[in-house]
Amino acid sequence: MKTKVRLALFIVTVLVATSLAACAPAKPQENGGSSEPAAPAQVTLKVGATTVPHAEILNFVKPALAKEGITLEVKEFSDYTQLNPALAAKELDANYFQHIPYLESFNKGTGNNLTYIARVHIEPMGIYSKKLKDLKDVPAGASVAIPNDATNGGRALLLLQSAGLLKLKEGVGITATPLDIAENPHNLKIKELDAASLPRTLADVDLAVINTNYALEAKLVPTQDALFIEDKDSPYVNVLVVRPEDKDKEPLQKLAAALNTPEVKQFIEEKYQGAVVPAF
């Protein structure tokens, strides 16, 4: 009889232990892990840009980067000449405003070695006027405003040459200056002015050669308002620029990738209607 009682007690004990084990909470994974994937560590990137289209494009990719754990802080500059010095001084993590020839000219002139990690878009430069409807009507002695920085000034002169308004000396390229004009049949009066101010000069000059970002800021529509515009195969690709020691950092590489997505291409094409052209 005692044996039967002991056996019954043993069976009850086993059943109770099994029941308690089934109800116990699951142990967390070893090494502090959990069944849920860890949220990505948050990183903030400070990126300098001019407003249109650069800051607009950066703001477009903010949500995608946030999902990657990256907070994109866009610092808008009205004076683009301050953006590379700010990057070199480590006030920014990257900048996005310039084309490759401008970057190369800056590095050569300052001894820096900033580098680009993404090609994003082209802004075809245009010739604008509030006084003329056609370049065939350009009068003798017409005043023409161009950017006063080396690469954009040379680019403007090359565009005037492409439009048939002047001819430059053989072999001069993007660093051409007014001193390199070989033939000037209209006796054009070239005025070198700050690039950002050029839209405001349209009432005072016959022609102005304006970068597309400043034309857009002034509510000009390059594909409609320009009397002559650069070919879409222009070599002046706008790029994302960083310090060389940072070029392989993962957050910056993720930003570069975000700027080269089909979504960004569609955004550029739909928003700017040919005034800004994807370069990837």
C-alpha atoms as a PDB file:
ATOM      1  CA  MET A   1       0.000   0.000   0.000  1.00  0.00           C
ATOM      2  CA  LYS A   2       2.815   2.375   0.931  1.00  0.00           C
ATOM      3  CA  THR A   3       4.445   1.714  -2.427  1.00  0.00           C
ATOM      4  CA  LYS A   4       1.283   2.724  -4.264  1.00  0.00           C
ATOM      5  CA  VAL A   5       0.996   5.953  -2.228  1.00  0.00           C
ATOM      6  CA  ARG A   6       4.603   6.845  -2.922  1.00  0.00           C
ATOM      7  CA  LEU A   7       4.135   6.210  -6.640  1.00  0.00           C
ATOM      8  CA  ALA A   8       1.034   8.400  -6.712  1.00  0.00           C
ATOM      9  CA  LEU A   9       2.846  11.248  -4.914  1.00  0.00           C
ATOM     10  CA  PHE A  10       5.760  10.967  -7.372  1.00  0.00           C
ATOM     11  CA  ILE A  11       3.411  11.213 -10.357  1.00  0.00           C
ATOM     12  CA  VAL A  12       1.643  14.268  -8.877  1.00  0.00           C
ATOM     13  CA  THR A  13       4.986  15.974  -8.206  1.00  0.00           C
ATOM     14  CA  VAL A  14       6.151  15.422 -11.790  1.00  0.00           C
ATOM     15  CA  LEU A  15       2.875  16.755 -13.200  1.00  0.00           C
ATOM     16  CA  VAL A  16       3.005  19.897 -11.037  1.00  0.00           C
ATOM     17  CA  ALA A  17       6.644  20.597 -11.984  1.00  0.00           C
ATOM     18  CA  THR A  18       5.862  20.166 -15.670  1.00  0.00           C
ATOM     19  CA  SER A  19       2.904  22.532 -15.398  1.00  0.00           C
ATOM     20  CA  LEU A  20       4.964  25.230 -13.663  1.00  0.00           C
ATOM     21  CA  ALA A  21       7.729  24.944 -16.255  1.00  0.00           C
ATOM     22  CA  ALA A  22       5.225  25.448 -19.055  1.00  0.00           C
ATOM     23  CA  CYS A  23       3.892  28.621 -17.423  1.00  0.00           C
ATOM     24  CA  ALA A  24       7.296  30.164 -16.691  1.00  0.00           C
ATOM     25  CA  PRO A  25       8.369  33.152 -18.886  1.00  0.00           C
ATOM     26  CA  ALA A  26      10.931  32.433 -21.579  1.00  0.00           C
ATOM     27  CA  LYS A  27      14.507  33.293 -20.733  1.00  0.00           C
ATOM     28  CA  PRO A  28      16.044  36.184 -22.654  1.00  0.00           C
ATOM     29  CA  GLN A  29      18.645  35.271 -25.222  1.00  0.00           C
ATOM     30  CA  GLU A  30      22.204  35.054 -24.001  1.00  0.00           C
ATOM     31  CA  ASN A  31      24.605  38.000 -24.328  1.00  0.00           C
ATOM     32  CA  GLY A  32      21.835  40.503 -23.718  1.00  0.00           C
ATOM     33  CA  GLY A  33      20.033  39.655 -26.981  1.00  0.00           C
ATOM     34  CA  SER A  34      16.283  39.687 -27.556  1.00  0.00           C
ATOM     35  CA  SER A  35      13.833  38.326 -30.071  1.00  0.00           C
ATOM     36  CA  GLU A  36      13.341  41.852 -31.513  1.00  0.00           C
ATOM     37  CA  PRO A  37      16.055  43.319 -33.820  1.00  0.00           C
ATOM     38  CA  ALA A  38      17.962  46.151 -32.169  1.00  0.00           C
ATOM     39  CA  ALA A  39      17.128  49.658 -33.397  1.00  0.00           C
ATOM     40  CA  PRO A  40      20.014  51.258 -35.325  1.00  0.00           C
ATOM     41  CA  ALA A  41      22.172  53.650 -33.339  1.00  0.00           C
ATOM     42  CA  GLN A  42      21.251  57.258 -34.105  1.00  0.00           C
ATOM     43  CA  VAL A  43      23.825  59.365 -35.946  1.00  0.00           C
ATOM     44  CA  THR A  44      23.502  63.025 -36.961  1.00  0.00           C
ATOM     45  CA  LEU A  45      25.029  64.270 -40.217  1.00  0.00           C
ATOM     46  CA  LYS A  46      25.425  68.004 -40.787  1.00  0.00           C
ATOM     47  CA  VAL A  47      25.357  68.725 -44.509  1.00  0.00           C
ATOM     48  CA  GLY A  48      25.770  72.202 -45.991  1.00  0.00           C
ATOM     49  CA  ALA A  49      23.891  73.135 -49.154  1.00  0.00           C
ATOM     50  CA  THR A  50      22.495  75.971 -51.200  1.00  0.00           C
ATOM     51  CA  THR A  51      18.716  76.121 -51.100  1.00  0.00           C
ATOM     52  CA  VAL A  52      17.615  75.116 -54.609  1.00  0.00           C
ATOM     53  CA  PRO A  53      17.813  72.352 -55.622  1.00  0.00           C
ATOM     54  CA  HIS A  54      20.408  70.943 -53.228  1.00  0.00           C
ATOM     55  CA  ALA A  55      18.673  71.464 -49.875  1.00  0.00           C
ATOM     56  CA  GLU A  56      15.362  70.403 -51.412  1.00  0.00           C
ATOM     57  CA  ILE A  57      16.870  67.118 -52.606  1.00  0.00           C
ATOM     58  CA  LEU A  58      18.519  66.516 -49.222  1.00  0.00           C
ATOM     59  CA  ASN A  59      15.245  67.137 -47.418  1.00  0.00           C
ATOM     60  CA  PHE A  60      13.571  64.629 -49.735  1.00  0.00           C
ATOM     61  CA  VAL A  61      15.902  61.818 -48.573  1.00  0.00           C
ATOM     62  CA  LYS A  62      15.577  62.622 -44.853  1.00  0.00           C
ATOM     63  CA  PRO A  63      12.816  60.055 -44.138  1.00  0.00           C
ATOM     64  CA  ALA A  64      14.725  57.216 -45.817  1.00  0.00           C
ATOM     65  CA  LEU A  65      17.866  58.042 -43.844  1.00  0.00           C
ATOM     66  CA  ALA A  66      15.915  58.254 -40.584  1.00  0.00           C
ATOM     67  CA  LYS A  67      14.983  54.586 -41.062  1.00  0.00           C
ATOM     68  CA  GLU A  68      18.718  53.869 -41.241  1.00  0.00           C
ATOM     69  CA  GLY A  69      19.309  55.629 -37.921  1.00  0.00           C
ATOM     70  CA  ILE A  70      20.645  58.816 -39.536  1.00  0.00           C
ATOM     71  CA  THR A  71      19.338  62.264 -38.651  1.00  0.00           C
ATOM     72  CA  LEU A  72      20.124  64.581 -41.554  1.00  0.00           C
ATOM     73  CA  GLU A  73      20.665  68.186 -40.483  1.00  0.00           C
ATOM     74  CA  VAL A  74      20.632  70.413 -43.569  1.00  0.00           C
ATOM     75  CA  LYS A  75      22.480  73.722 -43.162  1.00  0.00           C
ATOM     76  CA  GLU A  76      21.468  76.178 -45.885  1.00  0.00           C
ATOM     77  CA  PHE A  77      24.038  78.713 -47.125  1.00  0.00           C
ATOM     78  CA  SER A  78      23.225  81.733 -49.287  1.00  0.00           C
ATOM     79  CA  ASP A  79      26.921  82.306 -50.052  1.00  0.00           C
ATOM     80  CA  TYR A  80      28.236  79.144 -51.672  1.00  0.00           C
ATOM     81  CA  THR A  81      31.864  80.268 -51.338  1.00  0.00           C
ATOM     82  CA  GLN A  82      31.639  79.515 -47.602  1.00  0.00           C
ATOM     83  CA  LEU A  83      30.641  75.874 -47.966  1.00  0.00           C
ATOM     84  CA  ASN A  84      34.020  74.311 -48.748  1.00  0.00           C
ATOM     85  CA  PRO A  85      35.876  76.275 -46.030  1.00  0.00           C
ATOM     86  CA  ALA A  86      33.201  75.180 -43.536  1.00  0.00           C
ATOM     87  CA  LEU A  87      33.680  71.540 -44.544  1.00  0.00           C
ATOM     88  CA  ALA A  88      37.470  71.776 -44.381  1.00  0.00           C
ATOM     89  CA  ALA A  89      37.163  73.338 -40.898  1.00  0.00           C
ATOM     90  CA  LYS A  90      35.009  70.377 -39.747  1.00  0.00           C
ATOM     91  CA  GLU A  91      31.946  72.553 -39.202  1.00  0.00           C
ATOM     92  CA  LEU A  92      30.106  70.211 -41.582  1.00  0.00           C
ATOM     93  CA  ASP A  93      30.238  66.485 -42.274  1.00  0.00           C
ATOM     94  CA  ALA A  94      29.608  66.983 -46.003  1.00  0.00           C
ATOM     95  CA  ASN A  95      28.403  69.535 -48.505  1.00  0.00           C
ATOM     96  CA  TYR A  96      26.298  69.381 -51.624  1.00  0.00           C
ATOM     97  CA  PHE A  97      26.300  72.444 -53.859  1.00  0.00           C
ATOM     98  CA  GLN A  98      29.161  72.323 -56.363  1.00  0.00           C
ATOM     99  CA  HIS A  99      30.201  70.754 -59.623  1.00  0.00           C
ATOM    100  CA  ILE A 100      33.436  68.837 -60.088  1.00  0.00           C
ATOM    101  CA  PRO A 101      35.435  71.620 -61.839  1.00  0.00           C
ATOM    102  CA  TYR A 102      34.613  74.017 -58.969  1.00  0.00           C
ATOM    103  CA  LEU A 103      35.774  71.429 -56.421  1.00  0.00           C
ATOM    104  CA  GLU A 104      39.010  70.846 -58.324  1.00  0.00           C
ATOM    105  CA  SER A 105      39.637  74.590 -58.563  1.00  0.00           C
ATOM    106  CA  PHE A 106      39.033  75.028 -54.817  1.00  0.00           C
ATOM    107  CA  ASN A 107      41.413  72.215 -53.904  1.00  0.00           C
ATOM    108  CA  LYS A 108      44.116  73.549 -56.205  1.00  0.00           C
ATOM    109  CA  GLY A 109      43.774  77.105 -54.945  1.00  0.00           C
ATOM    110  CA  THR A 110      43.666  76.299 -51.230  1.00  0.00           C
ATOM    111  CA  GLY A 111      45.791  73.186 -50.845  1.00  0.00           C
ATOM    112  CA  ASN A 112      42.821  71.137 -49.661  1.00  0.00           C
ATOM    113  CA  ASN A 113      41.944  67.679 -50.925  1.00  0.00           C
ATOM    114  CA  LEU A 114      38.194  67.458 -50.441  1.00  0.00           C
ATOM    115  CA  THR A 115      36.696  64.607 -52.425  1.00  0.00           C
ATOM    116  CA  TYR A 116      33.300  63.595 -53.764  1.00  0.00           C
ATOM    117  CA  ILE A 117      31.487  60.333 -53.027  1.00  0.00           C
ATOM    118  CA  ALA A 118      28.345  60.679 -55.164  1.00  0.00           C
ATOM    119  CA  ARG A 119      27.429  62.252 -58.495  1.00  0.00           C
ATOM    120  CA  VAL A 120      23.869  63.525 -58.233  1.00  0.00           C
ATOM    121  CA  HIS A 121      22.681  66.014 -60.855  1.00  0.00           C
ATOM    122  CA  ILE A 122      23.489  68.570 -63.537  1.00  0.00           C
ATOM    123  CA  GLU A 123      22.122  72.117 -63.601  1.00  0.00           C
ATOM    124  CA  PRO A 124      22.378  73.393 -67.187  1.00  0.00           C
ATOM    125  CA  MET A 125      23.557  77.024 -67.094  1.00  0.00           C
ATOM    126  CA  GLY A 126      21.484  79.480 -69.105  1.00  0.00           C
ATOM    127  CA  ILE A 127      21.623  82.910 -70.752  1.00  0.00           C
ATOM    128  CA  TYR A 128      18.758  85.138 -69.597  1.00  0.00           C
ATOM    129  CA  SER A 129      17.433  88.580 -70.450  1.00  0.00           C
ATOM    130  CA  LYS A 130      14.559  90.861 -69.515  1.00  0.00           C
ATOM    131  CA  LYS A 131      15.326  93.162 -72.439  1.00  0.00           C
ATOM    132  CA  LEU A 132      15.747  90.734 -75.339  1.00  0.00           C
ATOM    133  CA  LYS A 133      13.557  87.973 -76.714  1.00  0.00           C
ATOM    134  CA  ASP A 134      16.158  86.374 -78.968  1.00  0.00           C
ATOM    135  CA  LEU A 135      19.956  86.297 -79.118  1.00  0.00           C
ATOM    136  CA  LYS A 136      19.729  87.465 -82.740  1.00  0.00           C
ATOM    137  CA  ASP A 137      18.679  90.833 -81.322  1.00  0.00           C
ATOM    138  CA  VAL A 138      21.802  91.381 -79.193  1.00  0.00           C
ATOM    139  CA  PRO A 139      22.905  94.987 -79.839  1.00  0.00           C
ATOM    140  CA  ALA A 140      26.465  96.207 -80.248  1.00  0.00           C
ATOM    141  CA  GLY A 141      28.017  96.998 -76.893  1.00  0.00           C
ATOM    142  CA  ALA A 142      25.529  94.854 -74.980  1.00  0.00           C
ATOM    143  CA  SER A 143      26.283  94.380 -71.290  1.00  0.00           C
ATOM    144  CA  VAL A 144      26.636  90.762 -70.163  1.00  0.00           C
ATOM    145  CA  ALA A 145      26.883  89.708 -66.511  1.00  0.00           C
ATOM    146  CA  ILE A 146      28.694  86.460 -65.666  1.00  0.00           C
ATOM    147  CA  PRO A 147      29.767  84.803 -62.371  1.00  0.00           C
ATOM    148  CA  ASN A 148      32.979  86.171 -60.903  1.00  0.00           C
ATOM    149  CA  ASP A 149      34.434  82.865 -59.652  1.00  0.00           C
ATOM    150  CA  ALA A 150      36.981  81.177 -61.877  1.00  0.00           C
ATOM    151  CA  THR A 151      35.185  77.996 -62.915  1.00  0.00           C
ATOM    152  CA  ASN A 152      31.676  79.406 -63.309  1.00  0.00           C
ATOM    153  CA  GLY A 153      33.018  82.492 -65.066  1.00  0.00           C
ATOM    154  CA  GLY A 154      34.870  80.296 -67.535  1.00  0.00           C
ATOM    155  CA  ARG A 155      31.815  78.117 -67.924  1.00  0.00           C
ATOM    156  CA  ALA A 156      29.720  81.204 -68.734  1.00  0.00           C
ATOM    157  CA  LEU A 157      32.199  82.346 -71.381  1.00  0.00           C
ATOM    158  CA  LEU A 158      32.156  78.890 -72.958  1.00  0.00           C
ATOM    159  CA  LEU A 159      28.362  79.081 -73.060  1.00  0.00           C
ATOM    160  CA  LEU A 160      28.487  82.506 -74.734  1.00  0.00           C
ATOM    161  CA  GLN A 161      30.858  80.971 -77.275  1.00  0.00           C
ATOM    162  CA  SER A 162      28.463  78.045 -77.857  1.00  0.00           C
ATOM    163  CA  ALA A 163      25.685  80.582 -78.431  1.00  0.00           C
ATOM    164  CA  GLY A 164      27.786  82.248 -81.145  1.00  0.00           C
ATOM    165  CA  LEU A 165      28.213  85.559 -79.309  1.00  0.00           C
ATOM    166  CA  LEU A 166      32.002  85.473 -79.006  1.00  0.00           C
ATOM    167  CA  LYS A 167      35.025  83.295 -79.624  1.00  0.00           C
ATOM    168  CA  LEU A 168      37.690  82.338 -77.101  1.00  0.00           C
ATOM    169  CA  LYS A 169      41.371  81.746 -77.711  1.00  0.00           C
ATOM    170  CA  GLU A 170      42.240  78.270 -78.913  1.00  0.00           C
ATOM    171  CA  GLY A 171      42.743  75.785 -76.094  1.00  0.00           C
ATOM    172  CA  VAL A 172      41.269  77.734 -73.190  1.00  0.00           C
ATOM    173  CA  GLY A 173      38.810  75.780 -71.100  1.00  0.00           C
ATOM    174  CA  ILE A 174      36.748  76.240 -67.983  1.00  0.00           C
ATOM    175  CA  THR A 175      39.228  78.674 -66.454  1.00  0.00           C
ATOM    176  CA  ALA A 176      38.791  81.156 -69.317  1.00  0.00           C
ATOM    177  CA  THR A 177      38.531  84.823 -68.365  1.00  0.00           C
ATOM    178  CA  PRO A 178      37.412  87.863 -70.373  1.00  0.00           C
ATOM    179  CA  LEU A 179      41.087  88.314 -71.287  1.00  0.00           C
ATOM    180  CA  ASP A 180      40.827  85.081 -73.294  1.00  0.00           C
ATOM    181  CA  ILE A 181      38.198  86.471 -75.681  1.00  0.00           C
ATOM    182  CA  ALA A 182      39.692  86.311 -79.184  1.00  0.00           C
ATOM    183  CA  GLU A 183      36.718  87.574 -81.181  1.00  0.00           C
ATOM    184  CA  ASN A 184      33.926  89.804 -79.887  1.00  0.00           C
ATOM    185  CA  PRO A 185      31.792  90.793 -82.892  1.00  0.00           C
ATOM    186  CA  HIS A 186      29.079  92.403 -80.733  1.00  0.00           C
ATOM    187  CA  ASN A 187      31.633  94.256 -78.607  1.00  0.00           C
ATOM    188  CA  LEU A 188      30.047  92.721 -75.521  1.00  0.00           C
ATOM    189  CA  LYS A 189      30.812  94.410 -72.210  1.00  0.00           C
ATOM    190  CA  ILE A 190      31.485  91.596 -69.748  1.00  0.00           C
ATOM    191  CA  LYS A 191      30.669  92.283 -66.097  1.00  0.00           C
ATOM    192  CA  GLU A 192      31.933  89.792 -63.524  1.00  0.00           C
ATOM    193  CA  LEU A 193      29.576  89.702 -60.533  1.00  0.00           C
ATOM    194  CA  ASP A 194      28.741  87.476 -57.587  1.00  0.00           C
ATOM    195  CA  ALA A 195      26.854  84.469 -58.965  1.00  0.00           C
ATOM    196  CA  ALA A 196      24.042  84.692 -56.412  1.00  0.00           C
ATOM    197  CA  SER A 197      23.342  88.312 -57.381  1.00  0.00           C
ATOM    198  CA  LEU A 198      22.966  87.694 -61.115  1.00  0.00           C
ATOM    199  CA  PRO A 199      19.160  87.261 -61.219  1.00  0.00           C
ATOM    200  CA  ARG A 200      18.828  90.674 -59.559  1.00  0.00           C
ATOM    201  CA  THR A 201      20.940  92.296 -62.289  1.00  0.00           C
ATOM    202  CA  LEU A 202      18.591  91.349 -65.131  1.00  0.00           C
ATOM    203  CA  ALA A 203      16.942  94.762 -65.104  1.00  0.00           C
ATOM    204  CA  ASP A 204      20.326  96.469 -65.433  1.00  0.00           C
ATOM    205  CA  VAL A 205      22.115  94.387 -68.076  1.00  0.00           C
ATOM    206  CA  ASP A 206      21.237  93.105 -71.525  1.00  0.00           C
ATOM    207  CA  LEU A 207      22.155  89.502 -70.741  1.00  0.00           C
ATOM    208  CA  ALA A 208      23.108  87.494 -67.668  1.00  0.00           C
ATOM    209  CA  VAL A 209      24.562  84.001 -67.573  1.00  0.00           C
ATOM    210  CA  ILE A 210      23.026  82.400 -64.501  1.00  0.00           C
ATOM    211  CA  ASN A 211      23.560  79.120 -62.667  1.00  0.00           C
ATOM    212  CA  THR A 212      20.335  77.139 -62.569  1.00  0.00           C
ATOM    213  CA  ASN A 213      20.135  76.974 -58.768  1.00  0.00           C
ATOM    214  CA  TYR A 214      20.040  80.779 -58.587  1.00  0.00           C
ATOM    215  CA  ALA A 215      17.649  80.983 -61.528  1.00  0.00           C
ATOM    216  CA  LEU A 216      15.257  78.628 -59.744  1.00  0.00           C
ATOM    217  CA  GLU A 217      15.510  80.604 -56.503  1.00  0.00           C
ATOM    218  CA  ALA A 218      14.527  83.706 -58.504  1.00  0.00           C
ATOM    219  CA  LYS A 219      11.467  81.832 -59.852  1.00  0.00           C
ATOM    220  CA  LEU A 220      12.884  81.651 -63.373  1.00  0.00           C
ATOM    221  CA  VAL A 221      12.052  78.537 -65.377  1.00  0.00           C
ATOM    222  CA  PRO A 222      15.282  77.644 -67.208  1.00  0.00           C
ATOM    223  CA  THR A 223      13.659  75.498 -69.880  1.00  0.00           C
ATOM    224  CA  GLN A 224      11.265  78.352 -70.719  1.00  0.00           C
ATOM    225  CA  ASP A 225      12.997  81.596 -69.742  1.00  0.00           C
ATOM    226  CA  ALA A 226      16.566  80.988 -70.898  1.00  0.00           C
ATOM    227  CA  LEU A 227      17.402  82.286 -74.377  1.00  0.00           C
ATOM    228  CA  PHE A 228      20.126  79.656 -74.591  1.00  0.00           C
ATOM    229  CA  ILE A 229      20.876  76.747 -72.276  1.00  0.00           C
ATOM    230  CA  GLU A 230      23.689  74.251 -71.843  1.00  0.00           C
ATOM    231  CA  ASP A 231      23.405  70.838 -73.383  1.00  0.00           C
ATOM    232  CA  LYS A 232      22.271  68.117 -70.980  1.00  0.00           C
ATOM    233  CA  ASP A 233      25.610  66.355 -71.546  1.00  0.00           C
ATOM    234  CA  SER A 234      27.353  69.126 -69.605  1.00  0.00           C
ATOM    235  CA  PRO A 235      30.377  67.892 -67.597  1.00  0.00           C
ATOM    236  CA  TYR A 236      29.395  70.079 -64.648  1.00  0.00           C
ATOM    237  CA  VAL A 237      27.975  67.343 -62.431  1.00  0.00           C
ATOM    238  CA  ASN A 238      26.966  68.421 -58.911  1.00  0.00           C
ATOM    239  CA  VAL A 239      28.417  66.128 -56.269  1.00  0.00           C
ATOM    240  CA  LEU A 240      28.300  65.198 -52.577  1.00  0.00           C
ATOM    241  CA  VAL A 241      31.639  66.235 -51.058  1.00  0.00           C
ATOM    242  CA  VAL A 242      33.406  65.099 -47.876  1.00  0.00           C
ATOM    243  CA  ARG A 243      36.816  65.262 -46.251  1.00  0.00           C
ATOM    244  CA  PRO A 244      39.072  62.489 -47.603  1.00  0.00           C
ATOM    245  CA  GLU A 245      39.487  60.796 -44.223  1.00  0.00           C
ATOM    246  CA  ASP A 246      35.696  60.450 -43.949  1.00  0.00           C
ATOM    247  CA  LYS A 247      34.906  59.107 -47.408  1.00  0.00           C
ATOM    248  CA  ASP A 248      34.423  55.495 -46.276  1.00  0.00           C
ATOM    249  CA  LYS A 249      32.382  56.215 -43.148  1.00  0.00           C
ATOM    250  CA  GLU A 250      29.150  54.227 -43.199  1.00  0.00           C
ATOM    251  CA  PRO A 251      26.695  57.099 -42.498  1.00  0.00           C
ATOM    252  CA  LEU A 252      28.158  59.160 -45.348  1.00  0.00           C
ATOM    253  CA  GLN A 253      28.109  56.170 -47.678  1.00  0.00           C
ATOM    254  CA  LYS A 254      24.438  55.658 -46.794  1.00  0.00           C
ATOM    255  CA  LEU A 255      23.760  59.309 -47.632  1.00  0.00           C
ATOM    256  CA  ALA A 256      25.559  58.875 -50.958  1.00  0.00           C
ATOM    257  CA  ALA A 257      23.465  55.797 -51.727  1.00  0.00           C
ATOM    258  CA  ALA A 258      20.249  57.596 -50.748  1.00  0.00           C
ATOM    259  CA  LEU A 259      21.004  60.373 -53.245  1.00  0.00           C
ATOM    260  CA  ASN A 260      21.356  57.861 -56.084  1.00  0.00           C
ATOM    261  CA  THR A 261      18.051  56.010 -55.806  1.00  0.00           C
ATOM    262  CA  PRO A 262      15.273  55.705 -58.408  1.00  0.00           C
ATOM    263  CA  GLU A 263      13.073  57.707 -56.025  1.00  0.00           C
ATOM    264  CA  VAL A 264      15.469  60.662 -56.097  1.00  0.00           C
ATOM    265  CA  LYS A 265      15.729  60.448 -59.880  1.00  0.00           C
ATOM    266  CA  GLN A 266      11.937  60.598 -60.154  1.00  0.00           C
ATOM    267  CA  PHE A 267      11.762  63.490 -57.668  1.00  0.00           C
ATOM    268  CA  ILE A 268      14.296  65.531 -59.672  1.00  0.00           C
ATOM    269  CA  GLU A 269      12.625  64.846 -63.011  1.00  0.00           C
ATOM    270  CA  GLU A 270       9.117  65.647 -61.791  1.00  0.00           C
ATOM    271  CA  LYS A 271       9.939  68.685 -59.656  1.00  0.00           C
ATOM    272  CA  TYR A 272      12.400  70.501 -61.928  1.00  0.00           C
ATOM    273  CA  GLN A 273      11.083  69.526 -65.370  1.00  0.00           C
ATOM    274  CA  GLY A 274      14.453  69.478 -67.134  1.00  0.00           C
ATOM    275  CA  ALA A 275      15.965  72.456 -65.295  1.00  0.00           C
ATOM    276  CA  VAL A 276      17.838  69.934 -63.147  1.00  0.00           C
ATOM    277  CA  VAL A 277      18.909  66.629 -64.688  1.00  0.00           C
ATOM    278  CA  PRO A 278      19.812  63.429 -62.769  1.00  0.00           C
ATOM    279  CA  ALA A 279      23.425  62.390 -63.337  1.00  0.00           C
ATOM    280  CA  PHE A 280      23.246  58.785 -62.161  1.00  0.00           C
END
